[in-house]
Amino acid sequence: QVQLVESGGGLVQAGDSLRLSCAASGRTFDSYAMGWFRQAPGKEREFVGRISRSGGSTTYADSAKGRFTISRDNAKNTVFLQMNFLKPEDTAVYYCAASDYAYSRREFDYKYWGQGTQVNVSS
């Protein structure tokens, strides 16, 4: 069992940066690949990016490539989402999730989910 708690959301202006954190409980954090997803108002939840168990491999959605970076600190049971050059269309609730699958972009491959943190980007 893994419990995930996101933090770091808030209101920023377009072009600003924000770093989200996801703290995990439990002693098996490094046995899971971690993903970030987001859900904008009126839209389905979508994949943002994922990172492998060791942190050596990352994958991003096209919308995140070049602007977002995922990293993890297994010693601190934490995964991060660094978001740069934010746009109004990045406004969403951001979720972190844990998966037994190494490379999945699919929601249903992620076993544990956080409660989400709201990011609002004004123009």
N, C-alpha and C. Protein backbone atom coordinates (compact mmCIF):
# COMPACT_ATOMS: atom_id res chain seq x y z
N GLN A 1 0.85 -1.20 0.00
CA GLN A 1 0.00 0.00 0.00
C GLN A 1 0.88 1.24 0.00
N VAL A 2 0.54 2.17 -0.88
CA VAL A 2 1.28 3.43 -0.98
C VAL A 2 0.27 4.57 -0.92
N GLN A 3 0.54 5.54 -0.09
CA GLN A 3 -0.28 6.74 -0.05
C GLN A 3 0.52 7.89 -0.64
N LEU A 4 -0.15 8.66 -1.48
CA LEU A 4 0.52 9.75 -2.20
C LEU A 4 -0.14 11.07 -1.86
N VAL A 5 0.68 12.08 -1.61
CA VAL A 5 0.16 13.40 -1.29
C VAL A 5 0.90 14.44 -2.13
N GLU A 6 0.15 15.12 -3.00
CA GLU A 6 0.75 16.16 -3.85
C GLU A 6 0.72 17.50 -3.12
N SER A 7 1.65 18.34 -3.50
CA SER A 7 1.69 19.71 -2.98
C SER A 7 2.40 20.60 -3.99
N GLY A 8 2.28 21.91 -3.79
CA GLY A 8 3.00 22.84 -4.63
C GLY A 8 2.17 23.57 -5.66
N GLY A 9 0.90 23.22 -5.75
CA GLY A 9 0.04 23.90 -6.71
C GLY A 9 -0.24 25.34 -6.28
N GLY A 10 -0.83 26.09 -7.19
CA GLY A 10 -1.16 27.47 -6.88
C GLY A 10 -1.53 28.24 -8.11
N LEU A 11 -1.61 29.56 -7.94
CA LEU A 11 -1.95 30.46 -9.03
C LEU A 11 -0.68 31.18 -9.49
N VAL A 12 -0.39 31.06 -10.78
CA VAL A 12 0.78 31.72 -11.35
C VAL A 12 0.37 32.40 -12.65
N GLN A 13 1.26 33.20 -13.17
CA GLN A 13 1.02 33.85 -14.45
C GLN A 13 1.67 33.07 -15.59
N ALA A 14 1.17 33.27 -16.76
CA ALA A 14 1.74 32.62 -17.94
C ALA A 14 3.23 32.98 -18.03
N GLY A 15 4.03 31.95 -18.31
CA GLY A 15 5.47 32.13 -18.39
C GLY A 15 6.21 31.81 -17.11
N ASP A 16 5.47 31.70 -16.03
CA ASP A 16 6.08 31.39 -14.74
C ASP A 16 6.41 29.90 -14.64
N SER A 17 7.10 29.58 -13.55
CA SER A 17 7.45 28.19 -13.25
C SER A 17 6.80 27.77 -11.94
N LEU A 18 6.65 26.47 -11.80
CA LEU A 18 6.07 25.89 -10.58
C LEU A 18 6.63 24.49 -10.42
N ARG A 19 6.90 24.11 -9.20
CA ARG A 19 7.35 22.74 -8.96
C ARG A 19 6.38 22.03 -8.04
N LEU A 20 5.84 20.95 -8.54
CA LEU A 20 4.94 20.11 -7.74
C LEU A 20 5.75 18.98 -7.10
N SER A 21 5.33 18.62 -5.91
CA SER A 21 5.93 17.50 -5.21
C SER A 21 4.87 16.45 -4.92
N CYS A 22 5.30 15.23 -4.82
CA CYS A 22 4.40 14.13 -4.46
C CYS A 22 5.16 13.27 -3.46
N ALA A 23 4.70 13.30 -2.23
CA ALA A 23 5.34 12.53 -1.16
C ALA A 23 4.61 11.20 -0.99
N ALA A 24 5.39 10.14 -0.90
CA ALA A 24 4.81 8.81 -0.79
C ALA A 24 5.11 8.21 0.58
N SER A 25 4.13 7.54 1.11
CA SER A 25 4.35 6.79 2.34
C SER A 25 4.72 5.37 1.96
N GLY A 26 5.20 4.61 2.92
CA GLY A 26 5.53 3.22 2.64
C GLY A 26 7.00 3.04 2.33
N ARG A 27 7.43 1.82 2.39
CA ARG A 27 8.85 1.52 2.26
C ARG A 27 9.20 0.93 0.91
N THR A 28 8.23 0.94 -0.02
CA THR A 28 8.49 0.33 -1.32
C THR A 28 8.38 1.34 -2.45
N PHE A 29 8.62 2.59 -2.16
CA PHE A 29 8.46 3.65 -3.16
C PHE A 29 9.28 3.36 -4.40
N ASP A 30 10.50 2.90 -4.23
CA ASP A 30 11.37 2.71 -5.39
C ASP A 30 11.05 1.46 -6.18
N SER A 31 10.00 0.75 -5.80
CA SER A 31 9.56 -0.39 -6.59
C SER A 31 8.49 -0.01 -7.59
N TYR A 32 8.10 1.27 -7.60
CA TYR A 32 7.06 1.75 -8.49
C TYR A 32 7.59 2.79 -9.47
N ALA A 33 7.15 2.67 -10.72
CA ALA A 33 7.28 3.80 -11.63
C ALA A 33 6.24 4.83 -11.20
N MET A 34 6.54 6.08 -11.42
CA MET A 34 5.64 7.16 -11.00
C MET A 34 5.21 7.98 -12.21
N GLY A 35 3.96 8.37 -12.18
CA GLY A 35 3.43 9.17 -13.27
C GLY A 35 2.76 10.43 -12.76
N TRP A 36 2.68 11.41 -13.65
CA TRP A 36 1.90 12.62 -13.39
C TRP A 36 0.80 12.70 -14.46
N PHE A 37 -0.37 13.00 -14.00
CA PHE A 37 -1.53 13.19 -14.86
C PHE A 37 -2.17 14.53 -14.50
N ARG A 38 -3.05 15.01 -15.37
CA ARG A 38 -3.77 16.23 -15.04
C ARG A 38 -5.17 16.18 -15.62
N GLN A 39 -6.05 16.93 -14.99
CA GLN A 39 -7.43 17.00 -15.47
C GLN A 39 -7.88 18.45 -15.45
N ALA A 40 -8.16 18.97 -16.62
CA ALA A 40 -8.66 20.33 -16.76
C ALA A 40 -10.18 20.32 -16.64
N PRO A 41 -10.77 21.45 -16.29
CA PRO A 41 -12.24 21.51 -16.15
C PRO A 41 -12.94 21.05 -17.43
N GLY A 42 -13.87 20.14 -17.27
CA GLY A 42 -14.65 19.67 -18.40
C GLY A 42 -13.93 18.71 -19.33
N LYS A 43 -12.73 18.30 -18.95
CA LYS A 43 -11.96 17.40 -19.80
C LYS A 43 -11.61 16.13 -19.06
N GLU A 44 -11.22 15.11 -19.81
CA GLU A 44 -10.79 13.86 -19.21
C GLU A 44 -9.37 14.03 -18.66
N ARG A 45 -9.07 13.19 -17.72
CA ARG A 45 -7.73 13.19 -17.17
C ARG A 45 -6.74 12.72 -18.24
N GLU A 46 -5.57 13.36 -18.30
CA GLU A 46 -4.60 13.02 -19.33
C GLU A 46 -3.21 12.81 -18.75
N PHE A 47 -2.45 12.02 -19.45
CA PHE A 47 -1.07 11.73 -19.08
C PHE A 47 -0.20 12.96 -19.30
N VAL A 48 0.69 13.23 -18.33
CA VAL A 48 1.65 14.32 -18.45
C VAL A 48 3.05 13.75 -18.65
N GLY A 49 3.41 12.78 -17.81
CA GLY A 49 4.73 12.18 -17.92
C GLY A 49 4.93 11.12 -16.87
N ARG A 50 6.00 10.33 -17.03
CA ARG A 50 6.30 9.30 -16.07
C ARG A 50 7.80 9.15 -15.92
N ILE A 51 8.16 8.51 -14.80
CA ILE A 51 9.57 8.29 -14.52
C ILE A 51 9.74 6.87 -14.02
N SER A 52 10.83 6.27 -14.40
CA SER A 52 11.10 4.89 -14.02
C SER A 52 11.44 4.77 -12.54
N ARG A 53 11.54 3.54 -12.09
CA ARG A 53 11.81 3.29 -10.67
C ARG A 53 13.11 3.93 -10.20
N SER A 54 14.11 3.84 -11.03
CA SER A 54 15.41 4.39 -10.64
C SER A 54 15.54 5.89 -10.93
N GLY A 55 14.65 6.38 -11.76
CA GLY A 55 14.73 7.78 -12.19
C GLY A 55 15.55 7.96 -13.45
N GLY A 56 16.02 6.87 -14.00
CA GLY A 56 16.89 6.98 -15.17
C GLY A 56 16.17 7.15 -16.49
N SER A 57 14.87 6.95 -16.50
CA SER A 57 14.09 7.04 -17.73
C SER A 57 12.84 7.87 -17.50
N THR A 58 12.59 8.78 -18.42
CA THR A 58 11.37 9.58 -18.35
C THR A 58 10.69 9.62 -19.72
N THR A 59 9.39 9.81 -19.69
CA THR A 59 8.59 9.95 -20.90
C THR A 59 7.61 11.08 -20.67
N TYR A 60 7.36 11.87 -21.70
CA TYR A 60 6.46 13.01 -21.55
C TYR A 60 5.41 13.04 -22.67
N ALA A 61 4.27 13.59 -22.32
CA ALA A 61 3.29 13.91 -23.35
C ALA A 61 3.85 15.05 -24.21
N ASP A 62 3.35 15.14 -25.42
CA ASP A 62 3.83 16.19 -26.32
C ASP A 62 3.64 17.57 -25.72
N SER A 63 2.56 17.74 -24.99
CA SER A 63 2.26 19.05 -24.40
C SER A 63 3.27 19.45 -23.32
N ALA A 64 3.99 18.46 -22.79
CA ALA A 64 4.93 18.71 -21.69
C ALA A 64 6.39 18.73 -22.14
N LYS A 65 6.65 18.17 -23.27
CA LYS A 65 8.03 18.07 -23.74
C LYS A 65 8.69 19.44 -23.85
N GLY A 66 9.90 19.54 -23.32
CA GLY A 66 10.64 20.78 -23.40
C GLY A 66 10.31 21.80 -22.33
N ARG A 67 9.20 21.59 -21.63
CA ARG A 67 8.79 22.55 -20.57
C ARG A 67 8.74 21.91 -19.19
N PHE A 68 8.37 20.64 -19.13
CA PHE A 68 8.20 19.95 -17.85
C PHE A 68 9.31 18.93 -17.66
N THR A 69 9.71 18.75 -16.42
CA THR A 69 10.72 17.75 -16.08
C THR A 69 10.29 16.99 -14.83
N ILE A 70 10.33 15.67 -14.93
CA ILE A 70 10.00 14.83 -13.79
C ILE A 70 11.29 14.27 -13.20
N SER A 71 11.37 14.30 -11.90
CA SER A 71 12.52 13.71 -11.21
C SER A 71 12.01 13.03 -9.93
N ARG A 72 12.85 12.26 -9.32
CA ARG A 72 12.46 11.59 -8.07
C ARG A 72 13.66 11.47 -7.16
N ASP A 73 13.37 11.45 -5.89
CA ASP A 73 14.37 11.23 -4.85
C ASP A 73 13.90 10.04 -4.03
N ASN A 74 14.44 8.88 -4.34
CA ASN A 74 13.97 7.66 -3.68
C ASN A 74 14.32 7.65 -2.19
N ALA A 75 15.38 8.34 -1.82
CA ALA A 75 15.75 8.40 -0.40
C ALA A 75 14.71 9.17 0.40
N LYS A 76 14.01 10.10 -0.27
CA LYS A 76 12.99 10.91 0.40
C LYS A 76 11.58 10.53 -0.01
N ASN A 77 11.45 9.45 -0.77
CA ASN A 77 10.12 8.98 -1.20
C ASN A 77 9.31 10.09 -1.87
N THR A 78 9.94 10.82 -2.73
CA THR A 78 9.28 11.98 -3.34
C THR A 78 9.55 12.02 -4.84
N VAL A 79 8.53 12.39 -5.58
CA VAL A 79 8.67 12.62 -7.01
C VAL A 79 8.25 14.06 -7.28
N PHE A 80 8.90 14.66 -8.27
CA PHE A 80 8.70 16.08 -8.55
C PHE A 80 8.26 16.28 -9.99
N LEU A 81 7.52 17.35 -10.20
CA LEU A 81 7.18 17.80 -11.54
C LEU A 81 7.55 19.27 -11.63
N GLN A 82 8.64 19.55 -12.33
CA GLN A 82 9.06 20.93 -12.55
C GLN A 82 8.40 21.42 -13.83
N MET A 83 7.64 22.49 -13.72
CA MET A 83 6.91 23.03 -14.86
C MET A 83 7.39 24.44 -15.15
N ASN A 84 7.91 24.62 -16.34
CA ASN A 84 8.43 25.93 -16.78
C ASN A 84 7.60 26.46 -17.93
N PHE A 85 7.69 27.76 -18.13
CA PHE A 85 6.98 28.41 -19.24
C PHE A 85 5.51 28.00 -19.27
N LEU A 86 4.88 28.12 -18.12
CA LEU A 86 3.50 27.68 -17.99
C LEU A 86 2.57 28.50 -18.88
N LYS A 87 1.53 27.82 -19.36
CA LYS A 87 0.53 28.43 -20.24
C LYS A 87 -0.84 28.31 -19.59
N PRO A 88 -1.77 29.16 -19.96
CA PRO A 88 -3.13 29.04 -19.40
C PRO A 88 -3.73 27.66 -19.62
N GLU A 89 -3.39 27.01 -20.71
CA GLU A 89 -3.94 25.67 -20.97
C GLU A 89 -3.34 24.60 -20.08
N ASP A 90 -2.35 24.95 -19.27
CA ASP A 90 -1.84 24.01 -18.27
C ASP A 90 -2.68 24.01 -17.00
N THR A 91 -3.65 24.88 -16.93
CA THR A 91 -4.54 24.92 -15.77
C THR A 91 -5.28 23.61 -15.62
N ALA A 92 -5.13 22.98 -14.45
CA ALA A 92 -5.72 21.66 -14.22
C ALA A 92 -5.44 21.24 -12.79
N VAL A 93 -6.09 20.17 -12.40
CA VAL A 93 -5.70 19.47 -11.18
C VAL A 93 -4.65 18.44 -11.58
N TYR A 94 -3.53 18.46 -10.89
CA TYR A 94 -2.42 17.57 -11.21
C TYR A 94 -2.35 16.45 -10.18
N TYR A 95 -2.23 15.22 -10.69
CA TYR A 95 -2.21 14.03 -9.86
C TYR A 95 -0.90 13.27 -10.06
N CYS A 96 -0.36 12.75 -8.99
CA CYS A 96 0.70 11.77 -9.15
C CYS A 96 0.12 10.39 -8.89
N ALA A 97 0.77 9.40 -9.45
CA ALA A 97 0.27 8.03 -9.36
C ALA A 97 1.44 7.06 -9.43
N ALA A 98 1.24 5.88 -8.86
CA ALA A 98 2.27 4.85 -8.80
C ALA A 98 1.83 3.63 -9.60
N SER A 99 2.77 3.06 -10.33
CA SER A 99 2.45 1.94 -11.19
C SER A 99 3.46 0.82 -11.05
N ASP A 100 2.96 -0.41 -11.20
CA ASP A 100 3.84 -1.57 -11.28
C ASP A 100 4.46 -1.69 -12.67
N TYR A 101 3.88 -0.99 -13.64
CA TYR A 101 4.35 -1.07 -15.01
C TYR A 101 5.43 -0.02 -15.24
N ALA A 102 6.47 -0.39 -15.91
CA ALA A 102 7.63 0.49 -16.04
C ALA A 102 7.39 1.66 -16.98
N TYR A 103 6.59 1.47 -18.02
CA TYR A 103 6.55 2.47 -19.08
C TYR A 103 5.15 2.91 -19.48
N SER A 104 4.18 2.71 -18.62
CA SER A 104 2.81 2.97 -19.03
C SER A 104 2.43 4.44 -19.02
N ARG A 105 1.60 4.80 -20.01
CA ARG A 105 0.95 6.10 -20.05
C ARG A 105 -0.53 5.99 -19.73
N ARG A 106 -0.98 4.79 -19.43
CA ARG A 106 -2.41 4.53 -19.27
C ARG A 106 -2.82 4.63 -17.82
N GLU A 107 -3.91 5.34 -17.59
CA GLU A 107 -4.40 5.52 -16.22
C GLU A 107 -4.61 4.21 -15.49
N PHE A 108 -5.21 3.25 -16.17
CA PHE A 108 -5.60 2.03 -15.46
C PHE A 108 -4.40 1.14 -15.13
N ASP A 109 -3.22 1.51 -15.57
CA ASP A 109 -2.01 0.80 -15.15
C ASP A 109 -1.41 1.37 -13.88
N TYR A 110 -2.02 2.44 -13.37
CA TYR A 110 -1.52 3.08 -12.16
C TYR A 110 -2.40 2.67 -10.98
N LYS A 111 -1.76 2.10 -9.97
CA LYS A 111 -2.47 1.47 -8.87
C LYS A 111 -2.87 2.44 -7.77
N TYR A 112 -1.98 3.37 -7.48
CA TYR A 112 -2.22 4.30 -6.36
C TYR A 112 -2.20 5.73 -6.89
N TRP A 113 -3.09 6.55 -6.32
CA TRP A 113 -3.27 7.93 -6.76
C TRP A 113 -3.29 8.87 -5.57
N GLY A 114 -2.76 10.07 -5.80
CA GLY A 114 -2.91 11.13 -4.82
C GLY A 114 -4.24 11.83 -5.00
N GLN A 115 -4.47 12.82 -4.16
CA GLN A 115 -5.74 13.54 -4.18
C GLN A 115 -5.73 14.69 -5.18
N GLY A 116 -4.57 15.06 -5.65
CA GLY A 116 -4.45 16.11 -6.64
C GLY A 116 -4.12 17.46 -6.03
N THR A 117 -3.50 18.30 -6.84
CA THR A 117 -3.21 19.67 -6.44
C THR A 117 -3.56 20.59 -7.61
N GLN A 118 -4.21 21.69 -7.30
CA GLN A 118 -4.72 22.58 -8.33
C GLN A 118 -3.63 23.54 -8.81
N VAL A 119 -3.51 23.64 -10.13
CA VAL A 119 -2.62 24.62 -10.75
C VAL A 119 -3.46 25.53 -11.63
N ASN A 120 -3.36 26.82 -11.39
CA ASN A 120 -4.07 27.80 -12.21
C ASN A 120 -3.05 28.74 -12.83
N VAL A 121 -3.14 28.87 -14.14
CA VAL A 121 -2.22 29.74 -14.86
C VAL A 121 -3.03 30.84 -15.52
N SER A 122 -2.78 32.07 -15.13
CA SER A 122 -3.51 33.21 -15.70
C SER A 122 -2.75 33.79 -16.88
N SER A 123 -3.50 34.36 -17.80
CA SER A 123 -2.88 34.93 -19.01
C SER A 123 -2.48 36.38 -18.79
